[in-house]
Amino acid sequence: MTQAAFFVLTALADQPRHGYGILREVEELSEGAVQMRVGTLYGVLDRLTADALIVLDREEVQQGRLRRYYRLTDEGTAALTAEAERLAAGASAAKKRIAEGRRTPDGAPGTTGVPGTRPGLAGGLA
């Protein structure tokens, strides 16, 4: 699942939203890391609709413009849940590996970040 799709599904997790509302919510949820253009958003919405992860909830005319509201399907909720769990597991594994890398096999502090040192083939320093 792409980062954009993940955040679009997340934006729709609590309530149906229209396109501009999704864009604002994605930016807020990602703390500005994901800023999609309208064309990108509708491409993502089309793919998620084709995959039955979201559906058109309703259409409203406001100020002479048509607003389409999208909502998650049960399949979309399941896909978002699975992706959130996958990402959490990956982050947990990375944190564990980082913590382990800061210690040598005998439990002593490692040399991570010490210039001029690097692990040798047998786990020592070369």
Protein backbone atom coordinates (compact mmCIF):
# COMPACT_ATOMS: atom_id res chain seq x y z
CA MET A 1 0.00 0.00 0.00
CA THR A 2 1.37 3.41 -0.90
CA GLN A 3 1.86 6.10 1.71
CA ALA A 4 -0.77 8.24 -0.02
CA ALA A 5 -3.32 5.39 0.01
CA PHE A 6 -2.58 4.69 3.67
CA PHE A 7 -3.24 8.29 4.66
CA VAL A 8 -6.36 8.56 2.49
CA LEU A 9 -7.80 5.47 4.17
CA THR A 10 -6.79 6.86 7.56
CA ALA A 11 -8.50 10.17 6.72
CA LEU A 12 -11.71 8.25 6.02
CA ALA A 13 -11.50 5.99 9.08
CA ASP A 14 -13.70 8.15 11.30
CA GLN A 15 -16.17 9.65 8.84
CA PRO A 16 -16.95 10.20 5.14
CA ARG A 17 -15.14 13.15 3.57
CA HIS A 18 -15.09 14.97 0.25
CA GLY A 19 -11.93 15.49 -1.79
CA TYR A 20 -10.76 18.77 -0.28
CA GLY A 21 -11.52 17.50 3.21
CA ILE A 22 -9.43 14.39 2.50
CA LEU A 23 -6.52 16.54 1.28
CA ARG A 24 -6.57 18.65 4.46
CA GLU A 25 -6.91 15.60 6.71
CA VAL A 26 -4.03 13.77 4.98
CA GLU A 27 -1.76 16.78 5.43
CA GLU A 28 -2.73 17.06 9.10
CA LEU A 29 -2.42 13.33 9.84
CA SER A 30 0.99 13.14 8.18
CA GLU A 31 2.13 16.35 9.89
CA GLY A 32 2.75 17.85 6.47
CA ALA A 33 4.88 14.97 5.20
CA VAL A 34 2.26 13.99 2.60
CA GLN A 35 0.94 16.82 0.48
CA MET A 36 -1.07 15.55 -2.44
CA ARG A 37 -2.29 17.46 -5.43
CA VAL A 38 -5.89 17.12 -6.53
CA GLY A 39 -4.97 14.96 -9.54
CA THR A 40 -2.97 12.60 -7.32
CA LEU A 41 -5.81 12.38 -4.82
CA TYR A 42 -8.39 11.42 -7.43
CA GLY A 43 -6.04 8.81 -8.86
CA VAL A 44 -5.71 7.29 -5.38
CA LEU A 45 -9.48 7.50 -4.84
CA ASP A 46 -10.08 5.74 -8.18
CA ARG A 47 -7.68 2.91 -7.25
CA LEU A 48 -9.15 2.51 -3.77
CA THR A 49 -12.67 2.45 -5.26
CA ALA A 50 -11.64 -0.13 -7.86
CA ASP A 51 -10.17 -2.25 -5.04
CA ALA A 52 -13.47 -1.90 -3.09
CA LEU A 53 -11.67 -0.30 -0.15
CA ILE A 54 -13.80 2.86 -0.38
CA VAL A 55 -17.17 3.73 -1.92
CA LEU A 56 -18.98 6.87 -2.88
CA ASP A 57 -21.06 7.78 0.17
CA ARG A 58 -23.07 10.67 -1.25
CA GLU A 59 -22.97 13.69 -3.53
CA GLU A 60 -23.96 17.22 -2.52
CA VAL A 61 -24.09 20.48 -4.42
CA GLN A 62 -22.56 23.33 -2.43
CA GLN A 63 -22.07 26.78 -3.89
CA GLY A 64 -22.85 25.39 -7.32
CA ARG A 65 -20.16 22.71 -7.12
CA LEU A 66 -20.62 18.98 -6.77
CA ARG A 67 -18.94 17.43 -3.73
CA ARG A 68 -18.44 13.69 -3.65
CA TYR A 69 -18.07 12.14 -0.21
CA TYR A 70 -16.20 8.85 0.16
CA ARG A 71 -16.25 6.36 3.01
CA LEU A 72 -14.39 3.19 3.95
CA THR A 73 -15.87 -0.21 3.25
CA ASP A 74 -15.43 -3.13 5.63
CA GLU A 75 -12.64 -4.30 3.31
CA GLY A 76 -11.06 -0.85 3.55
CA THR A 77 -11.14 -0.94 7.33
CA ALA A 78 -9.56 -4.41 7.29
CA ALA A 79 -6.86 -3.28 4.83
CA LEU A 80 -6.09 -0.16 6.89
CA THR A 81 -5.90 -2.21 10.09
CA ALA A 82 -3.56 -4.74 8.48
CA GLU A 83 -1.32 -2.01 7.05
CA ALA A 84 -1.18 -0.16 10.39
CA GLU A 85 -0.18 -3.41 12.12
CA ARG A 86 2.44 -4.14 9.46
CA LEU A 87 3.93 -0.66 9.82
CA ALA A 88 3.92 -0.90 13.63
CA ALA A 89 5.67 -4.29 13.50
CA GLY A 90 8.28 -2.90 11.12
CA ALA A 91 8.90 0.11 13.35
CA SER A 92 9.20 -2.17 16.39
CA ALA A 93 11.70 -4.41 14.61
CA ALA A 94 13.75 -1.39 13.54
CA LYS A 95 13.81 0.03 17.09
CA LYS A 96 14.85 -3.34 18.49
CA ARG A 97 17.62 -3.73 15.91
CA ILE A 98 18.87 -0.19 16.58
CA ALA A 99 18.97 -0.89 20.32
CA GLU A 100 20.79 -4.20 19.74
CA GLY A 101 23.29 -2.50 17.46
CA ARG A 102 24.34 -0.22 20.26
CA ARG A 103 25.64 -3.16 22.29
CA THR A 104 28.35 -5.70 21.50
CA PRO A 105 27.69 -9.44 21.72
CA ASP A 106 29.06 -9.48 25.32
CA GLY A 107 26.58 -6.79 26.37
CA ALA A 108 29.12 -3.98 26.56
CA PRO A 109 28.38 -0.69 24.84
CA GLY A 110 29.11 -0.88 21.13
CA THR A 111 31.17 1.40 18.94
CA THR A 112 28.24 2.67 16.92
CA GLY A 113 29.09 6.14 15.70
CA VAL A 114 32.78 5.98 16.66
CA PRO A 115 34.80 7.26 13.70
CA GLY A 116 37.36 4.84 12.29
CA THR A 117 35.77 1.69 13.71
CA ARG A 118 33.74 -0.88 11.92
CA PRO A 119 32.71 -4.45 12.65
CA GLY A 120 35.09 -7.14 11.37
CA LEU A 121 34.07 -10.44 9.83
CA ALA A 122 34.11 -12.24 13.18
CA GLY A 123 32.18 -9.48 14.92
CA GLY A 124 35.27 -7.70 16.22
CA LEU A 125 36.67 -4.40 15.09
CA ALA A 126 38.73 -4.15 11.94
